[in-house]
Every structure is written in C-alpha cells, then in structure tokens.
C-alpha cells in the first residue's frame, strides 16, 4: 500500500538502527539497518526493477491481470515468486510486488547486516534480534494510533504486510481500513493481504475475510480492521501503541 503522506512510517521504531530512504521512480523504501547501505540498496532496487520491467514488456498480462497468471520458466526469480504467491492467494501477480521488492532487496542486504527492516508502501520485510513494536495505521478507524503489534525475533526473516481499501492509491475491491498479514514469505503476505481485504466492505464481512485467510497456507497471523471492529487469527500479539 502506498500511503499519501507516509505518516505511517513513524510507526516503525528501531532506535538502535540506522534509518535511510531509497527512491527510484515509483519505488520508495524506508530501510533500517546496522550500517548505512543506501548505495547498495539503490543498486539492488534498480536491478530488480529492471528485471521486472523487462519481463513485463514480454508478458503484458502479468502487470495488468487481477487473476493468477502462470509465467514462463525463463521469467526472473522475482516474477516467479510473485506469480506463485498470486496463485496461492487467488489474485493478480502485482498484488505481491511491494512485498517482493522489499524481500528481494532485504535478503541481499542481509549479507552486510545482521538486522534489517525494509518498509515498502506499508509492507515490511524484517530480520531482527530484539523485540520490536510496529504500529498499525488503519485510516480513520479509531484503532489507528491506539494499537500495535509486538514482534519477536525469529531465526529466519519474515514479513508484515498491510492492505487497505480506504487508505492510499493501491487498488482494492474492498473497503477494509487495514488487513495485516504476518508470514515468512513476503510475496505471500502481500498477496494474501490484498485477497483478504478485497472481501471486506462492511464490518460484518470480517468473519468472511478470516475464513478466506484460513484457506491460504503459510500465513502466521492475520488482523482485519473495519471501522471500530476487528478480527484476528493465528500468532500475533496486540499491545497498546
């Protein structure tokens, strides 16, 4: 999700890490690492953007469809990961692009830092060594600024991805204020958040959204917010912001 003023970026807190931004065309990453890796990160963003853009010129359906799309075996790895996540979540491959970019860049940067947090349009890829708190931005919902996720470190990097039908410019068929998905696979977390958010028009749709989430294998935790109502499943810990 792309949030216009990006005020939600202040919700990611890690005082012991160095913070910097990497911007290339539409891609705008906030990165926190143990050292300043801005130059290397920009190089990686350009590399993965070029791979995707070149591929999308050959496969023009990939970037436009709202349905799962099978890609050629010669497609770049990032496109294959997006397509597989889209197949599992039953959405178009571009529903996974923000998570895919954060994950691809993040995994490469882990060769230079033991900790990394990359935020790309509301989707976060991270590898941390201590407990972190991530605030939840849900537009005009009364929960915005009031609750946060307490995130514990894991042996492997993982992702926290958010989709909304009321905030930002990303397309959604629904009107969820926020759907937050935690998963080891950032592409899957991003695609799943989109799929789950697509069915939320009213607060009464929250249970239906959670039922859809249960059918997507590989999700660790899901939070759905609509107005003053929320629903959750899986492993996640909500704390005061």
C-alpha atoms as a PDB file:
ATOM      1  CA  UNK A   1       0.000   0.000   0.000  1.00  0.00           C
ATOM      2  CA  UNK A   2       1.170   3.498  -0.780  1.00  0.00           C
ATOM      3  CA  UNK A   3       0.009   5.962   1.850  1.00  0.00           C
ATOM      4  CA  UNK A   4      -0.002   9.520   0.543  1.00  0.00           C
ATOM      5  CA  UNK A   5       1.874  11.370   3.265  1.00  0.00           C
ATOM      6  CA  UNK A   6       3.628   8.268   4.573  1.00  0.00           C
ATOM      7  CA  UNK A   7       2.932   9.300   8.163  1.00  0.00           C
ATOM      8  CA  UNK A   8       2.708   5.590   8.958  1.00  0.00           C
ATOM      9  CA  UNK A   9       6.485   5.378   8.540  1.00  0.00           C
ATOM     10  CA  UNK A  10       6.858   6.823  12.021  1.00  0.00           C
ATOM     11  CA  UNK A  11       5.126   3.685  13.296  1.00  0.00           C
ATOM     12  CA  UNK A  12       8.223   1.583  12.599  1.00  0.00           C
ATOM     13  CA  UNK A  13      10.588   2.104  15.532  1.00  0.00           C
ATOM     14  CA  UNK A  14      14.091   0.705  15.989  1.00  0.00           C
ATOM     15  CA  UNK A  15      16.240   3.300  17.717  1.00  0.00           C
ATOM     16  CA  UNK A  16      19.401   1.202  17.580  1.00  0.00           C
ATOM     17  CA  UNK A  17      19.416   1.010  13.767  1.00  0.00           C
ATOM     18  CA  UNK A  18      20.438   3.492  11.071  1.00  0.00           C
ATOM     19  CA  UNK A  19      17.495   4.780   9.038  1.00  0.00           C
ATOM     20  CA  UNK A  20      17.639   5.822   5.368  1.00  0.00           C
ATOM     21  CA  UNK A  21      15.374   6.003   2.317  1.00  0.00           C
ATOM     22  CA  UNK A  22      15.927   4.624  -1.171  1.00  0.00           C
ATOM     23  CA  UNK A  23      13.845   6.050  -4.007  1.00  0.00           C
ATOM     24  CA  UNK A  24      13.856   5.006  -7.661  1.00  0.00           C
ATOM     25  CA  UNK A  25      10.868   6.019  -9.794  1.00  0.00           C
ATOM     26  CA  UNK A  26       7.742   4.598  -8.082  1.00  0.00           C
ATOM     27  CA  UNK A  27       9.760   2.521  -5.610  1.00  0.00           C
ATOM     28  CA  UNK A  28      10.217   4.239  -2.242  1.00  0.00           C
ATOM     29  CA  UNK A  29      11.826   2.169   0.507  1.00  0.00           C
ATOM     30  CA  UNK A  30      12.424   3.039   4.141  1.00  0.00           C
ATOM     31  CA  UNK A  31      15.329   0.927   5.396  1.00  0.00           C
ATOM     32  CA  UNK A  32      16.707   0.399   8.889  1.00  0.00           C
ATOM     33  CA  UNK A  33      19.990  -1.484   9.187  1.00  0.00           C
ATOM     34  CA  UNK A  34      23.100  -1.726  11.340  1.00  0.00           C
ATOM     35  CA  UNK A  35      25.024   0.392   8.822  1.00  0.00           C
ATOM     36  CA  UNK A  36      24.262   2.822   6.005  1.00  0.00           C
ATOM     37  CA  UNK A  37      23.602   0.606   2.983  1.00  0.00           C
ATOM     38  CA  UNK A  38      21.819   3.212   0.888  1.00  0.00           C
ATOM     39  CA  UNK A  39      24.120   2.942  -2.126  1.00  0.00           C
ATOM     40  CA  UNK A  40      23.938  -0.859  -2.231  1.00  0.00           C
ATOM     41  CA  UNK A  41      20.173  -0.820  -1.681  1.00  0.00           C
ATOM     42  CA  UNK A  42      19.644   1.601  -4.575  1.00  0.00           C
ATOM     43  CA  UNK A  43      21.737  -0.640  -6.815  1.00  0.00           C
ATOM     44  CA  UNK A  44      19.541  -3.611  -5.880  1.00  0.00           C
ATOM     45  CA  UNK A  45      16.286  -1.695  -6.387  1.00  0.00           C
ATOM     46  CA  UNK A  46      17.392  -0.680  -9.880  1.00  0.00           C
ATOM     47  CA  UNK A  47      18.389  -4.265 -10.652  1.00  0.00           C
ATOM     48  CA  UNK A  48      15.080  -5.801  -9.594  1.00  0.00           C
ATOM     49  CA  UNK A  49      13.025  -3.028 -11.190  1.00  0.00           C
ATOM     50  CA  UNK A  50      14.833  -3.592 -14.478  1.00  0.00           C
ATOM     51  CA  UNK A  51      14.234  -7.344 -14.276  1.00  0.00           C
ATOM     52  CA  UNK A  52      10.503  -6.839 -13.725  1.00  0.00           C
ATOM     53  CA  UNK A  53      10.097  -4.073 -16.296  1.00  0.00           C
ATOM     54  CA  UNK A  54      11.925  -6.074 -18.975  1.00  0.00           C
ATOM     55  CA  UNK A  55       9.815  -9.139 -18.206  1.00  0.00           C
ATOM     56  CA  UNK A  56       6.542  -7.179 -18.237  1.00  0.00           C
ATOM     57  CA  UNK A  57       7.300  -5.897 -21.738  1.00  0.00           C
ATOM     58  CA  UNK A  58       7.408  -9.526 -22.876  1.00  0.00           C
ATOM     59  CA  UNK A  59       4.454 -10.680 -20.772  1.00  0.00           C
ATOM     60  CA  UNK A  60       1.952  -7.832 -20.856  1.00  0.00           C
ATOM     61  CA  UNK A  61      -0.741  -9.789 -18.980  1.00  0.00           C
ATOM     62  CA  UNK A  62       1.452 -10.118 -15.876  1.00  0.00           C
ATOM     63  CA  UNK A  63       1.204  -6.462 -14.907  1.00  0.00           C
ATOM     64  CA  UNK A  64      -2.489  -5.994 -15.680  1.00  0.00           C
ATOM     65  CA  UNK A  65      -4.440  -9.053 -14.605  1.00  0.00           C
ATOM     66  CA  UNK A  66      -6.324  -9.306 -11.306  1.00  0.00           C
ATOM     67  CA  UNK A  67      -6.249 -13.111 -11.543  1.00  0.00           C
ATOM     68  CA  UNK A  68      -3.431 -15.632 -11.043  1.00  0.00           C
ATOM     69  CA  UNK A  69      -1.149 -15.818 -14.059  1.00  0.00           C
ATOM     70  CA  UNK A  70       1.327 -18.548 -14.958  1.00  0.00           C
ATOM     71  CA  UNK A  71       4.718 -17.247 -16.047  1.00  0.00           C
ATOM     72  CA  UNK A  72       7.309 -18.680 -18.402  1.00  0.00           C
ATOM     73  CA  UNK A  73      10.091 -20.787 -16.893  1.00  0.00           C
ATOM     74  CA  UNK A  74      12.561 -18.161 -18.147  1.00  0.00           C
ATOM     75  CA  UNK A  75      10.893 -15.418 -16.081  1.00  0.00           C
ATOM     76  CA  UNK A  76      13.121 -13.731 -13.473  1.00  0.00           C
ATOM     77  CA  UNK A  77      13.012 -15.211  -9.976  1.00  0.00           C
ATOM     78  CA  UNK A  78      11.180 -12.207  -8.527  1.00  0.00           C
ATOM     79  CA  UNK A  79       8.372 -12.588 -11.099  1.00  0.00           C
ATOM     80  CA  UNK A  80       8.123 -16.317 -10.366  1.00  0.00           C
ATOM     81  CA  UNK A  81       7.762 -15.636  -6.644  1.00  0.00           C
ATOM     82  CA  UNK A  82       5.061 -13.053  -7.305  1.00  0.00           C
ATOM     83  CA  UNK A  83       3.178 -15.422  -9.611  1.00  0.00           C
ATOM     84  CA  UNK A  84       3.298 -18.280  -7.100  1.00  0.00           C
ATOM     85  CA  UNK A  85       2.059 -16.065  -4.265  1.00  0.00           C
ATOM     86  CA  UNK A  86      -0.729 -14.798  -6.509  1.00  0.00           C
ATOM     87  CA  UNK A  87      -1.723 -18.387  -7.319  1.00  0.00           C
ATOM     88  CA  UNK A  88      -1.961 -19.259  -3.636  1.00  0.00           C
ATOM     89  CA  UNK A  89      -3.970 -16.132  -2.761  1.00  0.00           C
ATOM     90  CA  UNK A  90      -6.035 -16.139  -5.985  1.00  0.00           C
ATOM     91  CA  UNK A  91      -5.151 -12.575  -7.001  1.00  0.00           C
ATOM     92  CA  UNK A  92      -3.056 -10.948  -9.729  1.00  0.00           C
ATOM     93  CA  UNK A  93       0.766 -11.079  -9.503  1.00  0.00           C
ATOM     94  CA  UNK A  94       1.111  -7.322  -8.992  1.00  0.00           C
ATOM     95  CA  UNK A  95      -0.664  -7.716  -5.642  1.00  0.00           C
ATOM     96  CA  UNK A  96       2.677  -9.086  -4.436  1.00  0.00           C
ATOM     97  CA  UNK A  97       5.041  -6.528  -5.984  1.00  0.00           C
ATOM     98  CA  UNK A  98       5.700  -4.376  -2.898  1.00  0.00           C
ATOM     99  CA  UNK A  99       6.417  -7.369  -0.700  1.00  0.00           C
ATOM    100  CA  UNK A 100       8.509  -8.963  -3.431  1.00  0.00           C
ATOM    101  CA  UNK A 101      10.725  -5.892  -3.804  1.00  0.00           C
ATOM    102  CA  UNK A 102      11.191  -5.478  -0.046  1.00  0.00           C
ATOM    103  CA  UNK A 103      12.049  -9.163   0.327  1.00  0.00           C
ATOM    104  CA  UNK A 104      14.438  -9.332  -2.628  1.00  0.00           C
ATOM    105  CA  UNK A 105      16.377  -6.246  -1.541  1.00  0.00           C
ATOM    106  CA  UNK A 106      16.260  -7.249   2.125  1.00  0.00           C
ATOM    107  CA  UNK A 107      17.642 -10.750   1.629  1.00  0.00           C
ATOM    108  CA  UNK A 108      20.553  -9.366  -0.383  1.00  0.00           C
ATOM    109  CA  UNK A 109      21.304  -6.710   2.240  1.00  0.00           C
ATOM    110  CA  UNK A 110      21.436  -9.372   4.963  1.00  0.00           C
ATOM    111  CA  UNK A 111      24.895 -10.227   3.606  1.00  0.00           C
ATOM    112  CA  UNK A 112      26.030  -6.888   5.070  1.00  0.00           C
ATOM    113  CA  UNK A 113      23.932  -6.525   8.243  1.00  0.00           C
ATOM    114  CA  UNK A 114      22.512  -8.919  10.824  1.00  0.00           C
ATOM    115  CA  UNK A 115      19.362  -6.829  11.256  1.00  0.00           C
ATOM    116  CA  UNK A 116      17.194  -5.290   8.554  1.00  0.00           C
ATOM    117  CA  UNK A 117      13.790  -3.662   8.378  1.00  0.00           C
ATOM    118  CA  UNK A 118      12.533  -2.629   4.949  1.00  0.00           C
ATOM    119  CA  UNK A 119       9.194  -0.883   4.510  1.00  0.00           C
ATOM    120  CA  UNK A 120       7.765  -0.592   1.015  1.00  0.00           C
ATOM    121  CA  UNK A 121       4.334   1.002   0.782  1.00  0.00           C
ATOM    122  CA  UNK A 122       3.104  -0.431   4.081  1.00  0.00           C
ATOM    123  CA  UNK A 123       4.707  -3.837   3.569  1.00  0.00           C
ATOM    124  CA  UNK A 124       7.600  -4.723   5.864  1.00  0.00           C
ATOM    125  CA  UNK A 125      10.372  -7.301   5.454  1.00  0.00           C
ATOM    126  CA  UNK A 126      12.456  -7.778   8.582  1.00  0.00           C
ATOM    127  CA  UNK A 127      15.163  -9.717  10.388  1.00  0.00           C
ATOM    128  CA  UNK A 128      15.580  -8.514  13.960  1.00  0.00           C
ATOM    129  CA  UNK A 129      17.420  -9.633  17.094  1.00  0.00           C
ATOM    130  CA  UNK A 130      15.203  -7.997  19.707  1.00  0.00           C
ATOM    131  CA  UNK A 131      11.516  -7.369  20.331  1.00  0.00           C
ATOM    132  CA  UNK A 132      10.100  -4.537  18.210  1.00  0.00           C
ATOM    133  CA  UNK A 133       6.782  -2.720  18.226  1.00  0.00           C
ATOM    134  CA  UNK A 134       5.088  -1.928  14.896  1.00  0.00           C
ATOM    135  CA  UNK A 135       2.170   0.492  14.992  1.00  0.00           C
ATOM    136  CA  UNK A 136      -0.947  -0.135  12.905  1.00  0.00           C
ATOM    137  CA  UNK A 137      -2.231   2.573  10.581  1.00  0.00           C
ATOM    138  CA  UNK A 138      -5.889   1.964   9.684  1.00  0.00           C
ATOM    139  CA  UNK A 139      -7.004   5.281   8.223  1.00  0.00           C
ATOM    140  CA  UNK A 140      -9.963   6.823  10.042  1.00  0.00           C
ATOM    141  CA  UNK A 141     -10.548   3.755  12.207  1.00  0.00           C
ATOM    142  CA  UNK A 142     -10.417   4.577  15.940  1.00  0.00           C
ATOM    143  CA  UNK A 143      -7.765   1.858  16.259  1.00  0.00           C
ATOM    144  CA  UNK A 144      -5.209   3.979  14.377  1.00  0.00           C
ATOM    145  CA  UNK A 145      -2.542   5.155  16.792  1.00  0.00           C
ATOM    146  CA  UNK A 146      -4.016   3.062  19.605  1.00  0.00           C
ATOM    147  CA  UNK A 147      -2.735  -0.444  18.908  1.00  0.00           C
ATOM    148  CA  UNK A 148       0.483  -2.019  17.720  1.00  0.00           C
ATOM    149  CA  UNK A 149       1.952  -5.431  17.009  1.00  0.00           C
ATOM    150  CA  UNK A 150       4.658  -6.698  19.336  1.00  0.00           C
ATOM    151  CA  UNK A 151       7.087  -8.546  17.104  1.00  0.00           C
ATOM    152  CA  UNK A 152       9.560 -11.081  18.459  1.00  0.00           C
ATOM    153  CA  UNK A 153      12.762 -12.050  16.625  1.00  0.00           C
ATOM    154  CA  UNK A 154      12.869 -15.208  14.521  1.00  0.00           C
ATOM    155  CA  UNK A 155      15.667 -17.362  13.159  1.00  0.00           C
ATOM    156  CA  UNK A 156      14.584 -16.508   9.612  1.00  0.00           C
ATOM    157  CA  UNK A 157      13.479 -13.171   8.133  1.00  0.00           C
ATOM    158  CA  UNK A 158       9.727 -12.655   7.722  1.00  0.00           C
ATOM    159  CA  UNK A 159       7.155 -10.096   6.633  1.00  0.00           C
ATOM    160  CA  UNK A 160       4.311  -7.958   7.937  1.00  0.00           C
ATOM    161  CA  UNK A 161       2.163  -6.753   5.038  1.00  0.00           C
ATOM    162  CA  UNK A 162      -0.822  -4.407   5.062  1.00  0.00           C
ATOM    163  CA  UNK A 163      -3.616  -3.818   2.563  1.00  0.00           C
ATOM    164  CA  UNK A 164      -6.384  -1.217   2.746  1.00  0.00           C
ATOM    165  CA  UNK A 165      -9.384  -0.219   0.698  1.00  0.00           C
ATOM    166  CA  UNK A 166      -9.721   3.184   2.363  1.00  0.00           C
ATOM    167  CA  UNK A 167      -6.117   4.427   2.524  1.00  0.00           C
ATOM    168  CA  UNK A 168      -3.654   5.057  -0.299  1.00  0.00           C
ATOM    169  CA  UNK A 169      -3.674   4.543  -4.050  1.00  0.00           C
ATOM    170  CA  UNK A 170      -3.359   0.761  -4.374  1.00  0.00           C
ATOM    171  CA  UNK A 171      -6.380  -0.934  -5.944  1.00  0.00           C
ATOM    172  CA  UNK A 172      -8.717  -2.937  -3.727  1.00  0.00           C
ATOM    173  CA  UNK A 173     -12.155  -4.388  -4.388  1.00  0.00           C
ATOM    174  CA  UNK A 174     -12.990  -3.913  -0.707  1.00  0.00           C
ATOM    175  CA  UNK A 175     -13.201  -1.157   1.895  1.00  0.00           C
ATOM    176  CA  UNK A 176     -11.160  -2.588   4.766  1.00  0.00           C
ATOM    177  CA  UNK A 177      -9.377   0.022   6.865  1.00  0.00           C
ATOM    178  CA  UNK A 178      -6.493  -2.408   7.306  1.00  0.00           C
ATOM    179  CA  UNK A 179      -5.699  -6.055   6.758  1.00  0.00           C
ATOM    180  CA  UNK A 180      -2.371  -7.052   8.282  1.00  0.00           C
ATOM    181  CA  UNK A 181      -0.757 -10.391   7.435  1.00  0.00           C
ATOM    182  CA  UNK A 182       2.332 -11.918   9.040  1.00  0.00           C
ATOM    183  CA  UNK A 183       4.160 -14.652   7.108  1.00  0.00           C
ATOM    184  CA  UNK A 184       7.667 -15.881   6.406  1.00  0.00           C
ATOM    185  CA  UNK A 185       7.114 -15.285   2.676  1.00  0.00           C
ATOM    186  CA  UNK A 186       6.748 -11.548   1.945  1.00  0.00           C
ATOM    187  CA  UNK A 187       5.247 -12.135  -1.506  1.00  0.00           C
ATOM    188  CA  UNK A 188       2.586 -14.368   0.002  1.00  0.00           C
ATOM    189  CA  UNK A 189       1.889 -11.969   2.881  1.00  0.00           C
ATOM    190  CA  UNK A 190       1.391  -9.109   0.420  1.00  0.00           C
ATOM    191  CA  UNK A 191      -0.828 -11.083  -1.971  1.00  0.00           C
ATOM    192  CA  UNK A 192      -2.852 -12.568   0.894  1.00  0.00           C
ATOM    193  CA  UNK A 193      -3.431  -9.154   2.482  1.00  0.00           C
ATOM    194  CA  UNK A 194      -4.863  -7.964  -0.835  1.00  0.00           C
ATOM    195  CA  UNK A 195      -7.066 -11.040  -1.235  1.00  0.00           C
ATOM    196  CA  UNK A 196      -8.437 -10.776   2.301  1.00  0.00           C
ATOM    197  CA  UNK A 197      -9.027  -7.019   2.068  1.00  0.00           C
ATOM    198  CA  UNK A 198     -10.908  -7.481  -1.206  1.00  0.00           C
ATOM    199  CA  UNK A 199     -13.913  -9.055   0.548  1.00  0.00           C
ATOM    200  CA  UNK A 200     -14.291  -6.505   3.363  1.00  0.00           C
ATOM    201  CA  UNK A 201     -16.909  -3.868   2.545  1.00  0.00           C
ATOM    202  CA  UNK A 202     -18.631  -3.672   5.945  1.00  0.00           C
ATOM    203  CA  UNK A 203     -17.620  -4.758   9.446  1.00  0.00           C
ATOM    204  CA  UNK A 204     -19.946  -7.736   9.038  1.00  0.00           C
ATOM    205  CA  UNK A 205     -17.518  -9.078   6.403  1.00  0.00           C
ATOM    206  CA  UNK A 206     -14.687  -9.583   8.896  1.00  0.00           C
ATOM    207  CA  UNK A 207     -15.580 -13.219   9.641  1.00  0.00           C
ATOM    208  CA  UNK A 208     -15.774 -13.974   5.924  1.00  0.00           C
ATOM    209  CA  UNK A 209     -12.361 -12.389   5.451  1.00  0.00           C
ATOM    210  CA  UNK A 210     -10.868 -14.528   8.210  1.00  0.00           C
ATOM    211  CA  UNK A 211     -12.407 -17.630   6.647  1.00  0.00           C
ATOM    212  CA  UNK A 212     -10.591 -16.802   3.408  1.00  0.00           C
ATOM    213  CA  UNK A 213      -7.367 -16.266   5.344  1.00  0.00           C
ATOM    214  CA  UNK A 214      -7.644 -19.762   6.838  1.00  0.00           C
ATOM    215  CA  UNK A 215      -7.613 -21.260   3.337  1.00  0.00           C
ATOM    216  CA  UNK A 216      -4.291 -19.655   2.409  1.00  0.00           C
ATOM    217  CA  UNK A 217      -1.460 -21.874   3.633  1.00  0.00           C
ATOM    218  CA  UNK A 218       1.663 -20.252   5.033  1.00  0.00           C
ATOM    219  CA  UNK A 219       0.129 -17.351   6.960  1.00  0.00           C
ATOM    220  CA  UNK A 220       1.210 -16.984  10.591  1.00  0.00           C
ATOM    221  CA  UNK A 221      -1.197 -14.264  11.708  1.00  0.00           C
ATOM    222  CA  UNK A 222      -3.969 -12.075  10.286  1.00  0.00           C
ATOM    223  CA  UNK A 223      -5.645  -8.923  11.597  1.00  0.00           C
ATOM    224  CA  UNK A 224      -8.682  -7.351   9.901  1.00  0.00           C
ATOM    225  CA  UNK A 225      -9.916  -3.861  10.828  1.00  0.00           C
ATOM    226  CA  UNK A 226     -13.074  -2.152   9.593  1.00  0.00           C
ATOM    227  CA  UNK A 227     -14.247   0.928  11.469  1.00  0.00           C
ATOM    228  CA  UNK A 228     -14.498   0.176  15.180  1.00  0.00           C
ATOM    229  CA  UNK A 229     -14.473  -3.601  14.667  1.00  0.00           C
ATOM    230  CA  UNK A 230     -11.585  -6.021  14.298  1.00  0.00           C
ATOM    231  CA  UNK A 231     -10.967  -9.727  13.984  1.00  0.00           C
ATOM    232  CA  UNK A 232      -7.791 -11.780  14.188  1.00  0.00           C
ATOM    233  CA  UNK A 233      -6.437 -15.293  13.860  1.00  0.00           C
ATOM    234  CA  UNK A 234      -3.111 -17.038  14.203  1.00  0.00           C
ATOM    235  CA  UNK A 235       0.005 -15.888  16.012  1.00  0.00           C
ATOM    236  CA  UNK A 236       0.029 -12.160  16.676  1.00  0.00           C
ATOM    237  CA  UNK A 237       0.278 -10.067  19.816  1.00  0.00           C
ATOM    238  CA  UNK A 238      -1.580  -6.759  20.031  1.00  0.00           C
ATOM    239  CA  UNK A 239      -0.312  -4.189  22.521  1.00  0.00           C
ATOM    240  CA  UNK A 240      -1.046  -0.505  23.186  1.00  0.00           C
ATOM    241  CA  UNK A 241       0.735   1.779  20.712  1.00  0.00           C
END
